[in-house]
Amino acid sequence: MKRLSRYMIPFAASMLLFACADLGQEEQVRAQNTPQEPASPEPTTTPVASPNVEQPIGDPGYFPTVESYPAVQEEIGTSGLTPVPEPAEDPYRSRKRMDIDQLDASMQVVAGGIIWSEDGDDESDFQELAATLGVPDYAIVTQEIKDPSALFQKFLSDAARSVCSEIVESELSGLLMNPILFVHVDATDTLDTAPEQVNANLQDMLLRFHGRHVEIDSPALAQWRWLFHTVSQLEQDPALGWRAVCVALFTHPEFFTY
C-alpha cells in the first residue's frame, strides 16, 4: 500500500500540470476569437508651465499668482492681474449752445440794447421765430433743440447783420451814447494810419463779444486784424470793416456757446 501511494502522488501532480496547460491554451484561443474594441485615443492636453515656486502640498489655501508662471507673465506684462487704471477724465466739458432766450438777451447786452427786429417794432425776431428755432411749446414739444443747425446759423447771421448795421448807423449819427464799435478809433482810422488804435479797438471788441482778453501780438488777434484790414481796403470804408468784424464776432461759436 505504501508502494502504491509513492507512485500515485507524482502521477496526480503530472495530471494537474497537464490540465492547467490545457486550460491556458483554451483561454488563448477564446481571446483570439473574441473581437477587440478599438482603443480610444488618449486625450491630448496642453502642458501648463509649472510654477517657479514650490507648491505647498495639501494646502487648500494655496493659489499660485501670475508671477509663478513666467510664460504667462511675459505674455500679459509685468502688471500681472492688476486692472489697468482708467484714464483721467477731461477736466474741460463740451461746450453747449445757448438757448434762444439766452442768445437774444446776450446779443442785446453786447449791442447796447439794440434788438433784432426787421419790422422795427419792440419785439425781437428771435421770439417770433422761437418755434422754428426749436423752442418748446410744452404742448407737443417739451425740450428745446440746441443743435447748431444750418437754420440756426442762417437766422443768427441775419440777426448779426441787422444789429451790426444798426450799431454802425447809430454810432455814426451820434444816437448811441456809449460806443461799441468806435471806442478807440474814429470812423476813418485804418490799420495803416492808426495801428495802435485799431489793435486796442479789436482787443476791446473781443473782450465785449467773447469775454476774452488777448495780447496785441497774439495770433488770436491777428485774424480779426486781417479781417478788418481786408474789408476796409476792399470797400474803401473802415466803418464797413468794423461792421464785418461785428458780424463775425456774433456768428462765432465763442459767442453763442458756453
C-alpha atoms as a PDB file:
ATOM      1  CA  MET A   1       0.000   0.000   0.000  1.00  0.00           C
ATOM      2  CA  LYS A   2       2.838   2.374   0.840  1.00  0.00           C
ATOM      3  CA  ARG A   3       4.482   1.499  -2.505  1.00  0.00           C
ATOM      4  CA  LEU A   4       1.236   2.419  -4.369  1.00  0.00           C
ATOM      5  CA  SER A   5       0.943   5.762  -2.615  1.00  0.00           C
ATOM      6  CA  ARG A   6       4.534   6.550  -3.567  1.00  0.00           C
ATOM      7  CA  TYR A   7       3.698   6.221  -7.283  1.00  0.00           C
ATOM      8  CA  MET A   8       0.233   7.805  -7.155  1.00  0.00           C
ATOM      9  CA  ILE A   9       1.338  11.240  -5.834  1.00  0.00           C
ATOM     10  CA  PRO A  10       3.718  12.052  -8.756  1.00  0.00           C
ATOM     11  CA  PHE A  11       1.089  10.797 -11.222  1.00  0.00           C
ATOM     12  CA  ALA A  12      -1.569  13.085  -9.761  1.00  0.00           C
ATOM     13  CA  ALA A  13       0.776  16.041  -9.885  1.00  0.00           C
ATOM     14  CA  SER A  14       1.607  15.449 -13.550  1.00  0.00           C
ATOM     15  CA  MET A  15      -2.060  15.179 -14.436  1.00  0.00           C
ATOM     16  CA  LEU A  16      -2.740  18.520 -12.687  1.00  0.00           C
ATOM     17  CA  LEU A  17       0.006  20.206 -14.700  1.00  0.00           C
ATOM     18  CA  PHE A  18      -1.429  18.869 -17.976  1.00  0.00           C
ATOM     19  CA  ALA A  19      -4.898  20.162 -17.007  1.00  0.00           C
ATOM     20  CA  CYS A  20      -3.552  23.651 -16.253  1.00  0.00           C
ATOM     21  CA  ALA A  21      -1.723  23.766 -19.584  1.00  0.00           C
ATOM     22  CA  ASP A  22      -4.880  22.800 -21.488  1.00  0.00           C
ATOM     23  CA  LEU A  23      -6.837  25.460 -19.663  1.00  0.00           C
ATOM     24  CA  GLY A  24      -4.277  28.149 -20.610  1.00  0.00           C
ATOM     25  CA  GLN A  25      -4.372  27.143 -24.284  1.00  0.00           C
ATOM     26  CA  GLU A  26      -8.198  27.290 -24.255  1.00  0.00           C
ATOM     27  CA  GLU A  27      -8.133  30.834 -22.806  1.00  0.00           C
ATOM     28  CA  GLN A  28      -5.694  31.940 -25.507  1.00  0.00           C
ATOM     29  CA  VAL A  29      -7.925  30.551 -28.291  1.00  0.00           C
ATOM     30  CA  ARG A  30     -11.005  32.198 -26.786  1.00  0.00           C
ATOM     31  CA  ALA A  31      -9.200  35.544 -26.570  1.00  0.00           C
ATOM     32  CA  GLN A  32      -8.109  35.329 -30.215  1.00  0.00           C
ATOM     33  CA  ASN A  33     -11.665  34.573 -31.419  1.00  0.00           C
ATOM     34  CA  THR A  34     -13.231  37.436 -29.403  1.00  0.00           C
ATOM     35  CA  PRO A  35     -13.494  40.729 -31.427  1.00  0.00           C
ATOM     36  CA  GLN A  36     -11.496  43.545 -29.821  1.00  0.00           C
ATOM     37  CA  GLU A  37     -12.962  47.086 -29.489  1.00  0.00           C
ATOM     38  CA  PRO A  38     -10.732  49.819 -30.925  1.00  0.00           C
ATOM     39  CA  ALA A  39      -8.809  51.581 -28.295  1.00  0.00           C
ATOM     40  CA  SER A  40      -9.966  55.167 -27.716  1.00  0.00           C
ATOM     41  CA  PRO A  41      -7.286  57.780 -28.343  1.00  0.00           C
ATOM     42  CA  GLU A  42      -5.813  59.329 -25.301  1.00  0.00           C
ATOM     43  CA  PRO A  43      -6.861  62.958 -24.780  1.00  0.00           C
ATOM     44  CA  THR A  44      -4.214  65.479 -25.666  1.00  0.00           C
ATOM     45  CA  THR A  45      -3.580  68.176 -23.137  1.00  0.00           C
ATOM     46  CA  THR A  46      -1.551  71.323 -23.454  1.00  0.00           C
ATOM     47  CA  PRO A  47       1.240  71.257 -20.968  1.00  0.00           C
ATOM     48  CA  VAL A  48       0.960  74.017 -18.427  1.00  0.00           C
ATOM     49  CA  ALA A  49       4.085  75.763 -17.376  1.00  0.00           C
ATOM     50  CA  SER A  50       4.970  74.678 -13.937  1.00  0.00           C
ATOM     51  CA  PRO A  51       5.276  77.419 -11.357  1.00  0.00           C
ATOM     52  CA  ASN A  52       8.708  78.504 -10.346  1.00  0.00           C
ATOM     53  CA  VAL A  53       7.734  78.407  -6.711  1.00  0.00           C
ATOM     54  CA  GLU A  54       7.168  75.428  -4.529  1.00  0.00           C
ATOM     55  CA  GLN A  55       3.534  74.443  -4.183  1.00  0.00           C
ATOM     56  CA  PRO A  56       2.593  73.550  -0.623  1.00  0.00           C
ATOM     57  CA  ILE A  57       1.248  70.028  -0.947  1.00  0.00           C
ATOM     58  CA  GLY A  58      -2.101  69.569   0.730  1.00  0.00           C
ATOM     59  CA  ASP A  59      -2.563  73.289   1.466  1.00  0.00           C
ATOM     60  CA  PRO A  60      -6.169  74.140   0.433  1.00  0.00           C
ATOM     61  CA  GLY A  61      -5.478  77.888   0.673  1.00  0.00           C
ATOM     62  CA  TYR A  62      -2.657  77.837  -1.866  1.00  0.00           C
ATOM     63  CA  PHE A  63      -3.340  79.858  -5.027  1.00  0.00           C
ATOM     64  CA  PRO A  64      -0.463  80.490  -7.425  1.00  0.00           C
ATOM     65  CA  THR A  65      -0.103  84.063  -8.628  1.00  0.00           C
ATOM     66  CA  VAL A  66       0.741  85.143 -12.160  1.00  0.00           C
ATOM     67  CA  GLU A  67       4.312  85.736 -11.047  1.00  0.00           C
ATOM     68  CA  SER A  68       4.539  81.976 -10.524  1.00  0.00           C
ATOM     69  CA  TYR A  69       4.214  81.370 -14.277  1.00  0.00           C
ATOM     70  CA  PRO A  70       6.985  83.097 -16.263  1.00  0.00           C
ATOM     71  CA  ALA A  71       5.374  82.362 -19.659  1.00  0.00           C
ATOM     72  CA  VAL A  72       2.058  83.906 -18.647  1.00  0.00           C
ATOM     73  CA  GLN A  73       3.764  86.870 -17.031  1.00  0.00           C
ATOM     74  CA  GLU A  74       5.763  87.532 -20.203  1.00  0.00           C
ATOM     75  CA  GLU A  75       2.594  87.495 -22.305  1.00  0.00           C
ATOM     76  CA  ILE A  76       0.397  89.802 -20.219  1.00  0.00           C
ATOM     77  CA  GLY A  77       3.168  92.039 -18.926  1.00  0.00           C
ATOM     78  CA  THR A  78       4.619  92.845 -15.575  1.00  0.00           C
ATOM     79  CA  SER A  79       1.387  94.333 -14.255  1.00  0.00           C
ATOM     80  CA  GLY A  80       0.072  90.856 -13.509  1.00  0.00           C
ATOM     81  CA  LEU A  81      -3.647  90.648 -12.955  1.00  0.00           C
ATOM     82  CA  THR A  82      -3.953  94.238 -11.701  1.00  0.00           C
ATOM     83  CA  PRO A  83      -6.596  96.039 -13.827  1.00  0.00           C
ATOM     84  CA  VAL A  84      -5.377  98.882 -15.992  1.00  0.00           C
ATOM     85  CA  PRO A  85      -6.359 102.195 -14.363  1.00  0.00           C
ATOM     86  CA  GLU A  86      -8.943 104.194 -16.270  1.00  0.00           C
ATOM     87  CA  PRO A  87      -7.676 107.399 -17.890  1.00  0.00           C
ATOM     88  CA  ALA A  88      -8.404 110.599 -16.066  1.00  0.00           C
ATOM     89  CA  GLU A  89     -11.490 112.440 -17.216  1.00  0.00           C
ATOM     90  CA  ASP A  90     -11.058 115.504 -19.356  1.00  0.00           C
ATOM     91  CA  PRO A  91     -11.336 118.472 -16.983  1.00  0.00           C
ATOM     92  CA  TYR A  92     -12.979 120.530 -19.721  1.00  0.00           C
ATOM     93  CA  ARG A  93     -16.613 119.805 -20.570  1.00  0.00           C
ATOM     94  CA  SER A  94     -18.014 120.050 -24.079  1.00  0.00           C
ATOM     95  CA  ARG A  95     -19.336 123.476 -24.977  1.00  0.00           C
ATOM     96  CA  LYS A  96     -23.103 123.903 -25.182  1.00  0.00           C
ATOM     97  CA  ARG A  97     -25.157 126.171 -27.373  1.00  0.00           C
ATOM     98  CA  MET A  98     -27.231 128.899 -25.776  1.00  0.00           C
ATOM     99  CA  ASP A  99     -30.981 128.574 -25.908  1.00  0.00           C
ATOM    100  CA  ILE A 100     -32.893 131.247 -27.830  1.00  0.00           C
ATOM    101  CA  ASP A 101     -33.739 133.358 -24.773  1.00  0.00           C
ATOM    102  CA  GLN A 102     -30.089 133.395 -23.694  1.00  0.00           C
ATOM    103  CA  LEU A 103     -28.937 134.243 -27.212  1.00  0.00           C
ATOM    104  CA  ASP A 104     -31.434 137.066 -27.561  1.00  0.00           C
ATOM    105  CA  ALA A 105     -30.513 138.547 -24.173  1.00  0.00           C
ATOM    106  CA  SER A 106     -26.755 138.242 -24.808  1.00  0.00           C
ATOM    107  CA  MET A 107     -26.994 139.971 -28.177  1.00  0.00           C
ATOM    108  CA  GLN A 108     -28.980 142.853 -26.668  1.00  0.00           C
ATOM    109  CA  VAL A 109     -26.437 143.304 -23.864  1.00  0.00           C
ATOM    110  CA  VAL A 110     -23.494 143.358 -26.284  1.00  0.00           C
ATOM    111  CA  ALA A 111     -25.323 145.644 -28.728  1.00  0.00           C
ATOM    112  CA  GLY A 112     -26.214 148.182 -26.060  1.00  0.00           C
ATOM    113  CA  GLY A 113     -29.942 147.376 -26.041  1.00  0.00           C
ATOM    114  CA  ILE A 114     -30.421 147.116 -29.808  1.00  0.00           C
ATOM    115  CA  ILE A 115     -32.686 144.186 -30.692  1.00  0.00           C
ATOM    116  CA  TRP A 116     -33.048 142.209 -33.888  1.00  0.00           C
ATOM    117  CA  SER A 117     -36.276 143.423 -35.434  1.00  0.00           C
ATOM    118  CA  GLU A 118     -36.678 143.615 -39.192  1.00  0.00           C
ATOM    119  CA  ASP A 119     -40.062 145.341 -38.793  1.00  0.00           C
ATOM    120  CA  GLY A 120     -38.722 147.966 -36.424  1.00  0.00           C
ATOM    121  CA  ASP A 121     -41.071 147.044 -33.578  1.00  0.00           C
ATOM    122  CA  ASP A 122     -40.139 146.369 -29.977  1.00  0.00           C
ATOM    123  CA  GLU A 123     -40.393 142.578 -30.206  1.00  0.00           C
ATOM    124  CA  SER A 124     -37.290 140.616 -31.097  1.00  0.00           C
ATOM    125  CA  ASP A 125     -37.482 138.423 -34.155  1.00  0.00           C
ATOM    126  CA  PHE A 126     -35.880 135.672 -32.078  1.00  0.00           C
ATOM    127  CA  GLN A 127     -39.132 135.452 -30.113  1.00  0.00           C
ATOM    128  CA  GLU A 128     -41.245 135.426 -33.263  1.00  0.00           C
ATOM    129  CA  LEU A 129     -39.112 132.590 -34.682  1.00  0.00           C
ATOM    130  CA  ALA A 130     -38.910 130.700 -31.393  1.00  0.00           C
ATOM    131  CA  ALA A 131     -40.947 127.712 -32.585  1.00  0.00           C
ATOM    132  CA  THR A 132     -38.907 127.486 -35.793  1.00  0.00           C
ATOM    133  CA  LEU A 133     -35.667 127.593 -33.814  1.00  0.00           C
ATOM    134  CA  GLY A 134     -36.687 124.697 -31.572  1.00  0.00           C
ATOM    135  CA  VAL A 135     -38.139 126.456 -28.513  1.00  0.00           C
ATOM    136  CA  PRO A 136     -40.645 124.061 -26.847  1.00  0.00           C
ATOM    137  CA  ASP A 137     -44.340 124.907 -26.765  1.00  0.00           C
ATOM    138  CA  TYR A 138     -44.902 122.398 -23.917  1.00  0.00           C
ATOM    139  CA  ALA A 139     -47.950 121.048 -25.748  1.00  0.00           C
ATOM    140  CA  ILE A 140     -46.200 118.897 -28.339  1.00  0.00           C
ATOM    141  CA  VAL A 141     -42.516 119.717 -27.794  1.00  0.00           C
ATOM    142  CA  THR A 142     -41.185 119.743 -24.224  1.00  0.00           C
ATOM    143  CA  GLN A 143     -37.431 120.012 -24.745  1.00  0.00           C
ATOM    144  CA  GLU A 144     -35.615 122.745 -26.622  1.00  0.00           C
ATOM    145  CA  ILE A 145     -33.437 121.703 -29.541  1.00  0.00           C
ATOM    146  CA  LYS A 146     -29.992 123.231 -29.113  1.00  0.00           C
ATOM    147  CA  ASP A 147     -28.208 121.872 -32.148  1.00  0.00           C
ATOM    148  CA  PRO A 148     -26.240 124.498 -34.124  1.00  0.00           C
ATOM    149  CA  SER A 149     -28.163 123.563 -37.245  1.00  0.00           C
ATOM    150  CA  ALA A 150     -27.957 125.295 -40.616  1.00  0.00           C
ATOM    151  CA  LEU A 151     -31.299 127.009 -39.930  1.00  0.00           C
ATOM    152  CA  PHE A 152     -29.981 128.351 -36.633  1.00  0.00           C
ATOM    153  CA  GLN A 153     -26.819 129.635 -38.331  1.00  0.00           C
ATOM    154  CA  LYS A 154     -28.892 131.312 -41.027  1.00  0.00           C
ATOM    155  CA  PHE A 155     -31.090 133.245 -38.594  1.00  0.00           C
ATOM    156  CA  LEU A 156     -28.102 134.115 -36.391  1.00  0.00           C
ATOM    157  CA  SER A 157     -26.333 135.542 -39.435  1.00  0.00           C
ATOM    158  CA  ASP A 158     -29.419 137.585 -40.333  1.00  0.00           C
ATOM    159  CA  ALA A 159     -29.616 138.902 -36.788  1.00  0.00           C
ATOM    160  CA  ALA A 160     -25.918 139.780 -36.671  1.00  0.00           C
ATOM    161  CA  ARG A 161     -26.022 141.698 -39.970  1.00  0.00           C
ATOM    162  CA  SER A 162     -29.123 143.634 -38.948  1.00  0.00           C
ATOM    163  CA  VAL A 163     -27.880 144.504 -35.447  1.00  0.00           C
ATOM    164  CA  CYS A 164     -24.342 145.399 -36.554  1.00  0.00           C
ATOM    165  CA  SER A 165     -25.645 147.656 -39.323  1.00  0.00           C
ATOM    166  CA  GLU A 166     -27.864 149.453 -36.821  1.00  0.00           C
ATOM    167  CA  ILE A 167     -24.932 149.835 -34.425  1.00  0.00           C
ATOM    168  CA  VAL A 168     -22.789 151.479 -37.121  1.00  0.00           C
ATOM    169  CA  GLU A 169     -25.594 153.837 -38.143  1.00  0.00           C
ATOM    170  CA  SER A 170     -26.368 154.753 -34.537  1.00  0.00           C
ATOM    171  CA  GLU A 171     -22.732 155.487 -33.694  1.00  0.00           C
ATOM    172  CA  LEU A 172     -22.070 157.481 -36.847  1.00  0.00           C
ATOM    173  CA  SER A 173     -25.213 159.550 -36.289  1.00  0.00           C
ATOM    174  CA  GLY A 174     -24.443 160.087 -32.607  1.00  0.00           C
ATOM    175  CA  LEU A 175     -27.598 158.358 -31.380  1.00  0.00           C
ATOM    176  CA  LEU A 176     -25.649 155.750 -29.392  1.00  0.00           C
ATOM    177  CA  MET A 177     -24.173 157.428 -26.356  1.00  0.00           C
ATOM    178  CA  ASN A 178     -21.840 154.586 -25.329  1.00  0.00           C
ATOM    179  CA  PRO A 179     -19.833 153.492 -28.394  1.00  0.00           C
ATOM    180  CA  ILE A 180     -19.428 149.787 -29.132  1.00  0.00           C
ATOM    181  CA  LEU A 181     -17.512 149.644 -32.420  1.00  0.00           C
ATOM    182  CA  PHE A 182     -15.672 153.008 -32.329  1.00  0.00           C
ATOM    183  CA  VAL A 183     -14.310 153.020 -28.795  1.00  0.00           C
ATOM    184  CA  HIS A 184     -10.635 153.724 -29.557  1.00  0.00           C
ATOM    185  CA  VAL A 185     -10.879 154.712 -33.234  1.00  0.00           C
ATOM    186  CA  ASP A 186     -12.664 157.104 -35.496  1.00  0.00           C
ATOM    187  CA  ALA A 187     -14.722 156.019 -38.485  1.00  0.00           C
ATOM    188  CA  THR A 188     -11.822 156.959 -40.777  1.00  0.00           C
ATOM    189  CA  ASP A 189      -8.966 155.251 -38.923  1.00  0.00           C
ATOM    190  CA  THR A 190      -7.296 152.352 -40.724  1.00  0.00           C
ATOM    191  CA  LEU A 191      -4.581 149.881 -39.848  1.00  0.00           C
ATOM    192  CA  ASP A 192      -2.105 151.945 -41.862  1.00  0.00           C
ATOM    193  CA  THR A 193      -2.954 155.297 -40.294  1.00  0.00           C
ATOM    194  CA  ALA A 194      -3.651 154.253 -36.690  1.00  0.00           C
ATOM    195  CA  PRO A 195      -2.377 150.723 -35.995  1.00  0.00           C
ATOM    196  CA  GLU A 196      -2.248 151.118 -32.194  1.00  0.00           C
ATOM    197  CA  GLN A 197      -5.806 152.428 -32.022  1.00  0.00           C
ATOM    198  CA  VAL A 198      -7.062 149.647 -34.309  1.00  0.00           C
ATOM    199  CA  ASN A 199      -5.397 146.952 -32.193  1.00  0.00           C
ATOM    200  CA  ALA A 200      -6.792 148.445 -28.981  1.00  0.00           C
ATOM    201  CA  ASN A 201     -10.251 148.597 -30.527  1.00  0.00           C
ATOM    202  CA  LEU A 202     -10.059 144.945 -31.583  1.00  0.00           C
ATOM    203  CA  GLN A 203      -8.976 143.972 -28.084  1.00  0.00           C
ATOM    204  CA  ASP A 204     -11.952 145.833 -26.617  1.00  0.00           C
ATOM    205  CA  MET A 205     -14.377 144.144 -29.032  1.00  0.00           C
ATOM    206  CA  LEU A 206     -13.058 140.656 -28.291  1.00  0.00           C
ATOM    207  CA  LEU A 207     -13.466 141.317 -24.585  1.00  0.00           C
ATOM    208  CA  ARG A 208     -17.006 142.617 -25.097  1.00  0.00           C
ATOM    209  CA  PHE A 209     -18.250 139.944 -27.511  1.00  0.00           C
ATOM    210  CA  HIS A 210     -16.350 136.836 -26.348  1.00  0.00           C
ATOM    211  CA  GLY A 211     -15.127 137.744 -22.887  1.00  0.00           C
ATOM    212  CA  ARG A 212     -11.506 137.179 -23.936  1.00  0.00           C
ATOM    213  CA  HIS A 213      -8.531 139.396 -23.281  1.00  0.00           C
ATOM    214  CA  VAL A 214      -5.846 138.824 -25.921  1.00  0.00           C
ATOM    215  CA  GLU A 215      -2.434 140.390 -26.321  1.00  0.00           C
ATOM    216  CA  ILE A 216      -1.589 142.552 -29.309  1.00  0.00           C
ATOM    217  CA  ASP A 217       0.974 140.070 -30.636  1.00  0.00           C
ATOM    218  CA  SER A 218      -1.353 137.090 -30.122  1.00  0.00           C
ATOM    219  CA  PRO A 219      -2.383 135.013 -33.195  1.00  0.00           C
ATOM    220  CA  ALA A 220      -5.944 135.206 -31.857  1.00  0.00           C
ATOM    221  CA  LEU A 221      -5.926 138.928 -32.588  1.00  0.00           C
ATOM    222  CA  ALA A 222      -4.147 138.643 -35.935  1.00  0.00           C
ATOM    223  CA  GLN A 223      -7.121 137.035 -37.702  1.00  0.00           C
ATOM    224  CA  TRP A 224      -9.508 139.817 -36.670  1.00  0.00           C
ATOM    225  CA  ARG A 225      -6.935 142.450 -37.638  1.00  0.00           C
ATOM    226  CA  TRP A 226      -6.677 140.800 -41.071  1.00  0.00           C
ATOM    227  CA  LEU A 227     -10.470 140.764 -41.449  1.00  0.00           C
ATOM    228  CA  PHE A 228     -10.813 144.461 -40.615  1.00  0.00           C
ATOM    229  CA  HIS A 229      -7.931 145.461 -42.868  1.00  0.00           C
ATOM    230  CA  THR A 230      -9.133 143.365 -45.831  1.00  0.00           C
ATOM    231  CA  VAL A 231     -12.747 144.582 -45.781  1.00  0.00           C
ATOM    232  CA  SER A 232     -11.667 148.182 -45.239  1.00  0.00           C
ATOM    233  CA  GLN A 233      -9.368 148.014 -48.270  1.00  0.00           C
ATOM    234  CA  LEU A 234     -11.959 146.318 -50.490  1.00  0.00           C
ATOM    235  CA  GLU A 235     -14.843 148.621 -49.555  1.00  0.00           C
ATOM    236  CA  GLN A 236     -12.666 151.719 -49.076  1.00  0.00           C
ATOM    237  CA  ASP A 237     -14.607 152.364 -45.887  1.00  0.00           C
ATOM    238  CA  PRO A 238     -13.265 151.489 -42.406  1.00  0.00           C
ATOM    239  CA  ALA A 239     -16.793 151.630 -40.972  1.00  0.00           C
ATOM    240  CA  LEU A 240     -17.744 148.626 -43.112  1.00  0.00           C
ATOM    241  CA  GLY A 241     -14.598 146.894 -41.879  1.00  0.00           C
ATOM    242  CA  TRP A 242     -15.799 147.272 -38.278  1.00  0.00           C
ATOM    243  CA  ARG A 243     -19.263 146.101 -39.295  1.00  0.00           C
ATOM    244  CA  ALA A 244     -17.708 142.949 -40.794  1.00  0.00           C
ATOM    245  CA  VAL A 245     -15.796 142.304 -37.565  1.00  0.00           C
ATOM    246  CA  CYS A 246     -19.013 142.786 -35.580  1.00  0.00           C
ATOM    247  CA  VAL A 247     -20.911 140.242 -37.697  1.00  0.00           C
ATOM    248  CA  ALA A 248     -18.071 137.725 -37.487  1.00  0.00           C
ATOM    249  CA  LEU A 249     -17.864 138.059 -33.704  1.00  0.00           C
ATOM    250  CA  PHE A 250     -21.620 137.494 -33.305  1.00  0.00           C
ATOM    251  CA  THR A 251     -21.649 134.403 -35.530  1.00  0.00           C
ATOM    252  CA  HIS A 252     -18.503 132.889 -33.989  1.00  0.00           C
ATOM    253  CA  PRO A 253     -19.071 129.797 -31.778  1.00  0.00           C
ATOM    254  CA  GLU A 254     -17.407 131.547 -28.855  1.00  0.00           C
ATOM    255  CA  PHE A 255     -20.350 133.928 -28.742  1.00  0.00           C
ATOM    256  CA  PHE A 256     -23.313 131.539 -28.913  1.00  0.00           C
ATOM    257  CA  THR A 257     -21.746 128.672 -26.923  1.00  0.00           C
ATOM    258  CA  TYR A 258     -20.613 128.464 -23.348  1.00  0.00           C
END
